[in-house]
PDB file of N, CA and C in Angstrom:
ATOM      1  N   MET A   1       1.081  -1.082  -0.634  1.00  0.00           N
ATOM      2  CA  MET A   1      -0.160   0.020   0.259  1.00  0.00           C
ATOM      3  C   MET A   1       0.648   1.149  -0.167  1.00  0.00           C
ATOM      4  N   LYS A   2       0.494   2.221  -0.561  1.00  0.00           N
ATOM      5  CA  LYS A   2       0.872   3.883  -1.387  1.00  0.00           C
ATOM      6  C   LYS A   2       0.436   4.386  -0.177  1.00  0.00           C
ATOM      7  N   VAL A   3       0.969   5.237   0.861  1.00  0.00           N
ATOM      8  CA  VAL A   3       0.541   6.648   1.265  1.00  0.00           C
ATOM      9  C   VAL A   3       0.917   8.128   0.750  1.00  0.00           C
ATOM     10  N   GLU A   4       0.311   8.933   0.647  1.00  0.00           N
ATOM     11  CA  GLU A   4       0.662   9.634  -0.108  1.00  0.00           C
ATOM     12  C   GLU A   4       0.202  11.086   0.915  1.00  0.00           C
ATOM     13  N   PHE A   5       1.256  12.176   1.139  1.00  0.00           N
ATOM     14  CA  PHE A   5       0.508  12.629   2.107  1.00  0.00           C
ATOM     15  C   PHE A   5       1.387  14.363   1.922  1.00  0.00           C
ATOM     16  N   THR A   6       0.521  15.195   2.628  1.00  0.00           N
ATOM     17  CA  THR A   6       0.712  16.635   2.951  1.00  0.00           C
ATOM     18  C   THR A   6       0.397  16.962   3.754  1.00  0.00           C
ATOM     19  N   THR A   7       0.988  17.899   4.778  1.00  0.00           N
ATOM     20  CA  THR A   7       0.188  18.817   6.150  1.00  0.00           C
ATOM     21  C   THR A   7       0.506  19.784   5.996  1.00  0.00           C
ATOM     22  N   GLU A   8      -0.388  21.477   6.640  1.00  0.00           N
ATOM     23  CA  GLU A   8      -0.211  22.706   6.231  1.00  0.00           C
ATOM     24  C   GLU A   8      -1.050  23.016   6.866  1.00  0.00           C
ATOM     25  N   PRO A   9      -0.422  24.083   7.953  1.00  0.00           N
ATOM     26  CA  PRO A   9       0.596  25.296   7.251  1.00  0.00           C
ATOM     27  C   PRO A   9       2.454  24.711   6.819  1.00  0.00           C
ATOM     28  N   PHE A  10       2.385  25.057   5.920  1.00  0.00           N
ATOM     29  CA  PHE A  10       3.094  25.174   5.499  1.00  0.00           C
ATOM     30  C   PHE A  10       4.023  26.243   5.996  1.00  0.00           C
ATOM     31  N   GLU A  11       5.665  25.880   6.269  1.00  0.00           N
ATOM     32  CA  GLU A  11       6.024  26.831   6.937  1.00  0.00           C
ATOM     33  C   GLU A  11       7.637  27.528   6.261  1.00  0.00           C
ATOM     34  N   LEU A  12       7.978  28.170   5.496  1.00  0.00           N
ATOM     35  CA  LEU A  12       8.433  28.373   4.320  1.00  0.00           C
ATOM     36  C   LEU A  12      10.624  28.681   4.828  1.00  0.00           C
ATOM     37  N   ASP A  13      10.812  29.215   6.530  1.00  0.00           N
ATOM     38  CA  ASP A  13      11.279  28.721   7.117  1.00  0.00           C
ATOM     39  C   ASP A  13      11.716  27.748   8.191  1.00  0.00           C
ATOM     40  N   GLY A  14      10.861  27.224   7.839  1.00  0.00           N
ATOM     41  CA  GLY A  14      11.280  26.123   8.975  1.00  0.00           C
ATOM     42  C   GLY A  14      10.337  24.698   8.681  1.00  0.00           C
ATOM     43  N   PHE A  15      10.938  23.237   9.265  1.00  0.00           N
ATOM     44  CA  PHE A  15      10.075  22.046   9.469  1.00  0.00           C
ATOM     45  C   PHE A  15       8.765  22.217  10.304  1.00  0.00           C
ATOM     46  N   PRO A  16       7.851  22.732   9.979  1.00  0.00           N
ATOM     47  CA  PRO A  16       6.735  22.588  11.626  1.00  0.00           C
ATOM     48  C   PRO A  16       7.072  21.576  12.713  1.00  0.00           C
ATOM     49  N   GLU A  17       5.496  21.314  13.277  1.00  0.00           N
ATOM     50  CA  GLU A  17       6.109  19.883  14.229  1.00  0.00           C
ATOM     51  C   GLU A  17       4.975  19.291  13.558  1.00  0.00           C
ATOM     52  N   HIS A  18       4.025  19.793  13.127  1.00  0.00           N
ATOM     53  CA  HIS A  18       3.056  18.994  12.326  1.00  0.00           C
ATOM     54  C   HIS A  18       3.504  17.529  11.415  1.00  0.00           C
ATOM     55  N   ALA A  19       4.519  18.387  10.877  1.00  0.00           N
ATOM     56  CA  ALA A  19       5.740  17.531   9.468  1.00  0.00           C
ATOM     57  C   ALA A  19       6.336  16.888  10.211  1.00  0.00           C
ATOM     58  N   LYS A  20       6.911  17.132  11.578  1.00  0.00           N
ATOM     59  CA  LYS A  20       7.771  17.040  12.059  1.00  0.00           C
ATOM     60  C   LYS A  20       6.767  15.524  12.998  1.00  0.00           C
ATOM     61  N   ALA A  21       6.241  15.636  13.473  1.00  0.00           N
ATOM     62  CA  ALA A  21       4.692  14.296  13.659  1.00  0.00           C
ATOM     63  C   ALA A  21       5.014  13.309  12.608  1.00  0.00           C
ATOM     64  N   ALA A  22       4.120  13.124  11.649  1.00  0.00           N
ATOM     65  CA  ALA A  22       4.111  13.149  10.745  1.00  0.00           C
ATOM     66  C   ALA A  22       5.052  11.845  10.278  1.00  0.00           C
ATOM     67  N   ARG A  23       6.192  12.115   9.672  1.00  0.00           N
ATOM     68  CA  ARG A  23       8.093  12.155   9.365  1.00  0.00           C
ATOM     69  C   ARG A  23       7.845  10.697  10.560  1.00  0.00           C
ATOM     70  N   ARG A  24       7.868  11.126  12.024  1.00  0.00           N
ATOM     71  CA  ARG A  24       8.265  10.384  12.733  1.00  0.00           C
ATOM     72  C   ARG A  24       7.001   9.189  13.031  1.00  0.00           C
ATOM     73  N   VAL A  25       5.675   9.338  12.419  1.00  0.00           N
ATOM     74  CA  VAL A  25       4.653   8.193  12.590  1.00  0.00           C
ATOM     75  C   VAL A  25       5.595   7.326  11.622  1.00  0.00           C
ATOM     76  N   VAL A  26       5.485   7.804  10.199  1.00  0.00           N
ATOM     77  CA  VAL A  26       5.242   6.271   9.548  1.00  0.00           C
ATOM     78  C   VAL A  26       7.203   6.271   9.188  1.00  0.00           C
ATOM     79  N   ASP A  27       7.822   6.548   9.738  1.00  0.00           N
ATOM     80  CA  ASP A  27       9.221   6.287  10.444  1.00  0.00           C
ATOM     81  C   ASP A  27       8.503   4.828  11.045  1.00  0.00           C
ATOM     82  N   GLU A  28       8.271   5.317  12.181  1.00  0.00           N
ATOM     83  CA  GLU A  28       8.320   4.241  13.755  1.00  0.00           C
ATOM     84  C   GLU A  28       7.282   2.678  12.964  1.00  0.00           C
ATOM     85  N   ALA A  29       6.265   3.363  11.849  1.00  0.00           N
ATOM     86  CA  ALA A  29       5.553   2.016  11.433  1.00  0.00           C
ATOM     87  C   ALA A  29       6.416   1.391  10.829  1.00  0.00           C
ATOM     88  N   GLY A  30       7.087   2.023  10.203  1.00  0.00           N
ATOM     89  CA  GLY A  30       8.586   1.038   9.520  1.00  0.00           C
ATOM     90  C   GLY A  30       8.520   0.793   8.054  1.00  0.00           C
ATOM     91  N   LEU A  31       7.053   2.101   7.295  1.00  0.00           N
ATOM     92  CA  LEU A  31       6.938   2.102   6.053  1.00  0.00           C
ATOM     93  C   LEU A  31       8.316   2.999   5.346  1.00  0.00           C
ATOM     94  N   ARG A  32       8.734   2.553   4.195  1.00  0.00           N
ATOM     95  CA  ARG A  32       9.789   2.777   3.374  1.00  0.00           C
ATOM     96  C   ARG A  32       8.851   3.873   2.599  1.00  0.00           C
ATOM     97  N   VAL A  33      10.228   5.591   3.271  1.00  0.00           N
ATOM     98  CA  VAL A  33       9.905   6.937   3.411  1.00  0.00           C
ATOM     99  C   VAL A  33      10.507   7.269   2.378  1.00  0.00           C
ATOM    100  N   ASP A  34      10.205   8.514   1.180  1.00  0.00           N
ATOM    101  CA  ASP A  34      10.034   9.310   0.035  1.00  0.00           C
ATOM    102  C   ASP A  34       9.581  10.688   0.621  1.00  0.00           C
ATOM    103  N   VAL A  35      10.382  11.680   1.243  1.00  0.00           N
ATOM    104  CA  VAL A  35      10.408  12.846   1.437  1.00  0.00           C
ATOM    105  C   VAL A  35      10.420  13.372  -0.130  1.00  0.00           C
ATOM    106  N   GLY A  36       9.651  14.354  -1.060  1.00  0.00           N
ATOM    107  CA  GLY A  36       9.519  15.160  -1.725  1.00  0.00           C
ATOM    108  C   GLY A  36       9.232  17.215  -1.981  1.00  0.00           C
ATOM    109  N   PRO A  37       9.229  17.754  -2.258  1.00  0.00           N
ATOM    110  CA  PRO A  37       9.308  18.902  -2.036  1.00  0.00           C
ATOM    111  C   PRO A  37       7.492  18.925  -2.266  1.00  0.00           C
ATOM    112  N   PHE A  38       6.465  18.227  -2.615  1.00  0.00           N
ATOM    113  CA  PHE A  38       5.555  18.750  -2.176  1.00  0.00           C
ATOM    114  C   PHE A  38       4.877  18.048  -1.621  1.00  0.00           C
ATOM    115  N   GLY A  39       5.474  17.110  -0.928  1.00  0.00           N
ATOM    116  CA  GLY A  39       4.937  15.681   0.278  1.00  0.00           C
ATOM    117  C   GLY A  39       5.886  14.454   0.101  1.00  0.00           C
ATOM    118  N   THR A  40       4.822  13.410   0.752  1.00  0.00           N
ATOM    119  CA  THR A  40       5.732  12.820   1.604  1.00  0.00           C
ATOM    120  C   THR A  40       5.492  11.350   1.486  1.00  0.00           C
ATOM    121  N   SER A  41       5.684  10.619   0.818  1.00  0.00           N
ATOM    122  CA  SER A  41       5.013   8.846  -0.336  1.00  0.00           C
ATOM    123  C   SER A  41       5.584   7.580   1.189  1.00  0.00           C
ATOM    124  N   ALA A  42       4.918   6.941   1.301  1.00  0.00           N
ATOM    125  CA  ALA A  42       5.485   5.488   2.547  1.00  0.00           C
ATOM    126  C   ALA A  42       4.562   4.871   1.978  1.00  0.00           C
ATOM    127  N   GLU A  43       5.243   3.849   1.867  1.00  0.00           N
ATOM    128  CA  GLU A  43       5.039   2.471   1.422  1.00  0.00           C
ATOM    129  C   GLU A  43       5.420   1.030   2.581  1.00  0.00           C
ATOM    130  N   GLY A  44       4.654   0.053   2.846  1.00  0.00           N
ATOM    131  CA  GLY A  44       4.091  -1.326   3.259  1.00  0.00           C
ATOM    132  C   GLY A  44       3.695  -1.524   2.809  1.00  0.00           C
ATOM    133  N   GLU A  45       3.341  -2.796   3.845  1.00  0.00           N
ATOM    134  CA  GLU A  45       2.244  -3.834   4.283  1.00  0.00           C
ATOM    135  C   GLU A  45       0.879  -3.263   4.464  1.00  0.00           C
ATOM    136  N   GLN A  46      -0.415  -3.442   3.935  1.00  0.00           N
ATOM    137  CA  GLN A  46      -1.688  -3.154   4.184  1.00  0.00           C
ATOM    138  C   GLN A  46      -1.708  -2.510   5.714  1.00  0.00           C
ATOM    139  N   GLU A  47      -2.269  -3.308   6.868  1.00  0.00           N
ATOM    140  CA  GLU A  47      -1.790  -2.967   7.796  1.00  0.00           C
ATOM    141  C   GLU A  47      -1.169  -2.190   9.233  1.00  0.00           C
ATOM    142  N   GLN A  48      -0.132  -1.970   8.240  1.00  0.00           N
ATOM    143  CA  GLN A  48       0.882  -1.778   8.450  1.00  0.00           C
ATOM    144  C   GLN A  48       0.564   0.332   8.738  1.00  0.00           C
ATOM    145  N   ALA A  49       0.196  -0.162   6.728  1.00  0.00           N
ATOM    146  CA  ALA A  49       0.282   1.496   5.890  1.00  0.00           C
ATOM    147  C   ALA A  49      -1.577   2.515   6.760  1.00  0.00           C
ATOM    148  N   LEU A  50      -2.680   1.366   7.154  1.00  0.00           N
ATOM    149  CA  LEU A  50      -3.976   1.133   7.860  1.00  0.00           C
ATOM    150  C   LEU A  50      -3.757   2.167   8.555  1.00  0.00           C
ATOM    151  N   ALA A  51      -2.461   1.427   9.541  1.00  0.00           N
ATOM    152  CA  ALA A  51      -2.705   1.866  11.213  1.00  0.00           C
ATOM    153  C   ALA A  51      -2.073   3.288  11.409  1.00  0.00           C
ATOM    154  N   ALA A  52      -0.750   3.344  10.024  1.00  0.00           N
ATOM    155  CA  ALA A  52      -0.005   4.727  10.421  1.00  0.00           C
ATOM    156  C   ALA A  52      -0.689   5.253   9.889  1.00  0.00           C
ATOM    157  N   ILE A  53      -2.067   6.127   9.232  1.00  0.00           N
ATOM    158  CA  ILE A  53      -2.625   6.369   8.925  1.00  0.00           C
ATOM    159  C   ILE A  53      -4.027   7.938   9.896  1.00  0.00           C
ATOM    160  N   SER A  54      -3.867   6.844  10.203  1.00  0.00           N
ATOM    161  CA  SER A  54      -4.737   6.698  11.725  1.00  0.00           C
ATOM    162  C   SER A  54      -4.511   7.405  12.894  1.00  0.00           C
ATOM    163  N   ARG A  55      -2.418   7.412  13.076  1.00  0.00           N
ATOM    164  CA  ARG A  55      -1.551   7.842  13.527  1.00  0.00           C
ATOM    165  C   ARG A  55      -1.528   9.075  13.198  1.00  0.00           C
ATOM    166  N   LEU A  56      -1.383   9.083  11.864  1.00  0.00           N
ATOM    167  CA  LEU A  56      -1.222  10.004  10.995  1.00  0.00           C
ATOM    168  C   LEU A  56      -2.257  11.023  11.375  1.00  0.00           C
ATOM    169  N   LEU A  57      -2.874  11.286  11.673  1.00  0.00           N
ATOM    170  CA  LEU A  57      -4.231  12.272  11.230  1.00  0.00           C
ATOM    171  C   LEU A  57      -4.240  12.912  12.790  1.00  0.00           C
ATOM    172  N   GLU A  58      -3.959  11.828  13.899  1.00  0.00           N
ATOM    173  CA  GLU A  58      -4.616  12.134  15.313  1.00  0.00           C
ATOM    174  C   GLU A  58      -2.702  12.890  15.627  1.00  0.00           C
ATOM    175  N   GLU A  59      -2.261  12.289  15.366  1.00  0.00           N
ATOM    176  CA  GLU A  59      -0.709  13.259  15.434  1.00  0.00           C
ATOM    177  C   GLU A  59      -0.132  14.110  14.706  1.00  0.00           C
ATOM    178  N   THR A  60      -0.693  14.667  13.659  1.00  0.00           N
ATOM    179  CA  THR A  60      -0.512  15.596  13.397  1.00  0.00           C
ATOM    180  C   THR A  60      -1.615  17.098  13.397  1.00  0.00           C
ATOM    181  N   ILE A  61      -2.566  16.861  13.480  1.00  0.00           N
ATOM    182  CA  ILE A  61      -3.613  17.308  13.952  1.00  0.00           C
ATOM    183  C   ILE A  61      -3.318  18.284  15.642  1.00  0.00           C
ATOM    184  N   ALA A  62      -2.710  17.094  16.304  1.00  0.00           N
ATOM    185  CA  ALA A  62      -2.555  17.352  17.690  1.00  0.00           C
ATOM    186  C   ALA A  62      -1.669  18.799  17.357  1.00  0.00           C
ATOM    187  N   HIS A  63      -0.273  18.191  16.923  1.00  0.00           N
ATOM    188  CA  HIS A  63       1.304  19.185  16.329  1.00  0.00           C
ATOM    189  C   HIS A  63       0.958  20.655  15.743  1.00  0.00           C
ATOM    190  N   GLY A  64      -1.209  20.995  15.395  1.00  0.00           N
ATOM    191  CA  GLY A  64      -1.580  22.186  14.261  1.00  0.00           C
ATOM    192  C   GLY A  64      -1.397  22.454  13.367  1.00  0.00           C
ATOM    193  N   ALA A  65      -1.795  21.004  12.769  1.00  0.00           N
ATOM    194  CA  ALA A  65      -2.396  20.914  11.330  1.00  0.00           C
ATOM    195  C   ALA A  65      -3.482  21.869  10.878  1.00  0.00           C
ATOM    196  N   THR A  66      -3.439  22.168   9.919  1.00  0.00           N
ATOM    197  CA  THR A  66      -4.405  22.178   9.572  1.00  0.00           C
ATOM    198  C   THR A  66      -5.839  21.430   8.935  1.00  0.00           C
ATOM    199  N   ARG A  67      -4.146  21.182   7.744  1.00  0.00           N
ATOM    200  CA  ARG A  67      -5.231  20.766   6.385  1.00  0.00           C
ATOM    201  C   ARG A  67      -4.596  18.991   6.575  1.00  0.00           C
ATOM    202  N   ILE A  68      -4.518  17.718   6.620  1.00  0.00           N
ATOM    203  CA  ILE A  68      -4.131  17.049   5.620  1.00  0.00           C
ATOM    204  C   ILE A  68      -4.648  16.695   4.428  1.00  0.00           C
ATOM    205  N   SER A  69      -3.231  16.045   3.533  1.00  0.00           N
ATOM    206  CA  SER A  69      -4.187  16.364   2.191  1.00  0.00           C
ATOM    207  C   SER A  69      -3.355  14.158   1.864  1.00  0.00           C
ATOM    208  N   LEU A  70      -3.789  13.958   2.000  1.00  0.00           N
ATOM    209  CA  LEU A  70      -3.725  12.466   1.600  1.00  0.00           C
ATOM    210  C   LEU A  70      -4.344  11.592   0.518  1.00  0.00           C
ATOM    211  N   GLN A  71      -3.456  10.313   0.526  1.00  0.00           N
ATOM    212  CA  GLN A  71      -4.184   9.843  -1.155  1.00  0.00           C
ATOM    213  C   GLN A  71      -3.723   8.237  -0.962  1.00  0.00           C
ATOM    214  N   VAL A  72      -4.185   7.469  -0.864  1.00  0.00           N
ATOM    215  CA  VAL A  72      -3.540   5.930  -0.475  1.00  0.00           C
ATOM    216  C   VAL A  72      -3.996   5.515  -1.376  1.00  0.00           C
ATOM    217  N   SER A  73      -3.027   3.999  -2.486  1.00  0.00           N
ATOM    218  CA  SER A  73      -2.919   3.387  -3.149  1.00  0.00           C
ATOM    219  C   SER A  73      -2.721   2.233  -2.915  1.00  0.00           C
ATOM    220  N   THR A  74      -3.152   1.521  -3.473  1.00  0.00           N
ATOM    221  CA  THR A  74      -3.411  -0.142  -3.501  1.00  0.00           C
ATOM    222  C   THR A  74      -2.480  -0.656  -4.324  1.00  0.00           C
ATOM    223  N   LEU A  75      -1.290  -1.129  -3.766  1.00  0.00           N
ATOM    224  CA  LEU A  75       0.534  -1.906  -4.953  1.00  0.00           C
ATOM    225  C   LEU A  75       0.531  -3.124  -4.798  1.00  0.00           C
ATOM    226  N   ASP A  76       0.425  -3.671  -6.840  1.00  0.00           N
ATOM    227  CA  ASP A  76       0.436  -4.797  -7.084  1.00  0.00           C
ATOM    228  C   ASP A  76       1.812  -5.857  -6.372  1.00  0.00           C
ATOM    229  N   GLN A  77       2.124  -6.555  -6.863  1.00  0.00           N
ATOM    230  CA  GLN A  77       2.966  -7.762  -6.710  1.00  0.00           C
ATOM    231  C   GLN A  77       4.895  -6.912  -6.916  1.00  0.00           C
ATOM    232  N   ASP A  78       4.459  -5.853  -8.384  1.00  0.00           N
ATOM    233  CA  ASP A  78       5.772  -4.744  -8.431  1.00  0.00           C
ATOM    234  C   ASP A  78       5.839  -4.264  -8.095  1.00  0.00           C
ATOM    235  N   GLY A  79       5.220  -3.386  -7.509  1.00  0.00           N
ATOM    236  CA  GLY A  79       4.973  -1.996  -6.558  1.00  0.00           C
ATOM    237  C   GLY A  79       4.229  -1.249  -7.286  1.00  0.00           C
ATOM    238  N   THR A  80       3.512  -1.524  -8.412  1.00  0.00           N
ATOM    239  CA  THR A  80       3.205  -0.326  -8.733  1.00  0.00           C
ATOM    240  C   THR A  80       1.969  -0.648  -8.928  1.00  0.00           C
ATOM    241  N   PRO A  81       0.991   0.690  -8.465  1.00  0.00           N
ATOM    242  CA  PRO A  81      -0.078   1.747  -7.864  1.00  0.00           C
ATOM    243  C   PRO A  81      -1.231   0.071  -8.784  1.00  0.00           C
ATOM    244  N   VAL A  82      -1.821  -0.422  -8.034  1.00  0.00           N
ATOM    245  CA  VAL A  82      -3.367  -0.898  -8.550  1.00  0.00           C
ATOM    246  C   VAL A  82      -4.100  -0.234 -10.082  1.00  0.00           C
ATOM    247  N   ALA A  83      -4.186   1.230  -9.538  1.00  0.00           N
ATOM    248  CA  ALA A  83      -5.436   1.924 -10.889  1.00  0.00           C
ATOM    249  C   ALA A  83      -4.239   2.260 -12.045  1.00  0.00           C
ATOM    250  N   GLU A  84      -2.869   3.011 -11.937  1.00  0.00           N
ATOM    251  CA  GLU A  84      -1.870   2.883 -13.010  1.00  0.00           C
ATOM    252  C   GLU A  84      -1.767   1.926 -13.487  1.00  0.00           C
ATOM    253  N   ALA A  85      -2.321   0.599 -13.337  1.00  0.00           N
ATOM    254  CA  ALA A  85      -1.497  -0.601 -14.049  1.00  0.00           C
ATOM    255  C   ALA A  85      -2.845  -0.943 -14.454  1.00  0.00           C
ATOM    256  N   GLU A  86      -3.655  -0.437 -14.261  1.00  0.00           N
ATOM    257  CA  GLU A  86      -5.049  -0.378 -14.956  1.00  0.00           C
ATOM    258  C   GLU A  86      -5.699  -0.315 -16.341  1.00  0.00           C
ATOM    259  N   GLU A  87      -4.632   1.664 -15.675  1.00  0.00           N
ATOM    260  CA  GLU A  87      -5.272   2.446 -17.106  1.00  0.00           C
ATOM    261  C   GLU A  87      -4.505   2.258 -17.742  1.00  0.00           C
ATOM    262  N   SER A  88      -2.882   0.850 -17.970  1.00  0.00           N
ATOM    263  CA  SER A  88      -2.233   1.265 -18.748  1.00  0.00           C
ATOM    264  C   SER A  88      -2.536   0.133 -19.670  1.00  0.00           C
ATOM    265  N   ARG A  89      -3.852  -0.576 -19.438  1.00  0.00           N
ATOM    266  CA  ARG A  89      -4.167  -2.110 -19.875  1.00  0.00           C
ATOM    267  C   ARG A  89      -4.856  -1.917 -21.660  1.00  0.00           C
TER     268      ARG A  89
END
C-alpha cells in the first residue's frame, strides 16, 4: 500500500511540528519513506499503512496541522499502484 500526504500550514522558514510528527509516525510504523518537495510518500504492508494513517491524522492535528491531504493506493506485486496498472491496459 502506498500513502501520499501533505500537511499544512506550510512554513518557509523551517520544518513545522506537524510535519515532524507525520514523518515520525511513518518512520515508527516501519514504512519505506520518500520525502519530496510537495509531499511525502510511504509504502508498506496494508496493516502497517492503515494503522499509520490513523495515527498520522491524530498526531499531525495535535501538532497544529490545519489541513492534511492524503491519497492511498493499493500496489501490485511489483509495487505499481493497481489503478495505474489498470489504466495502462
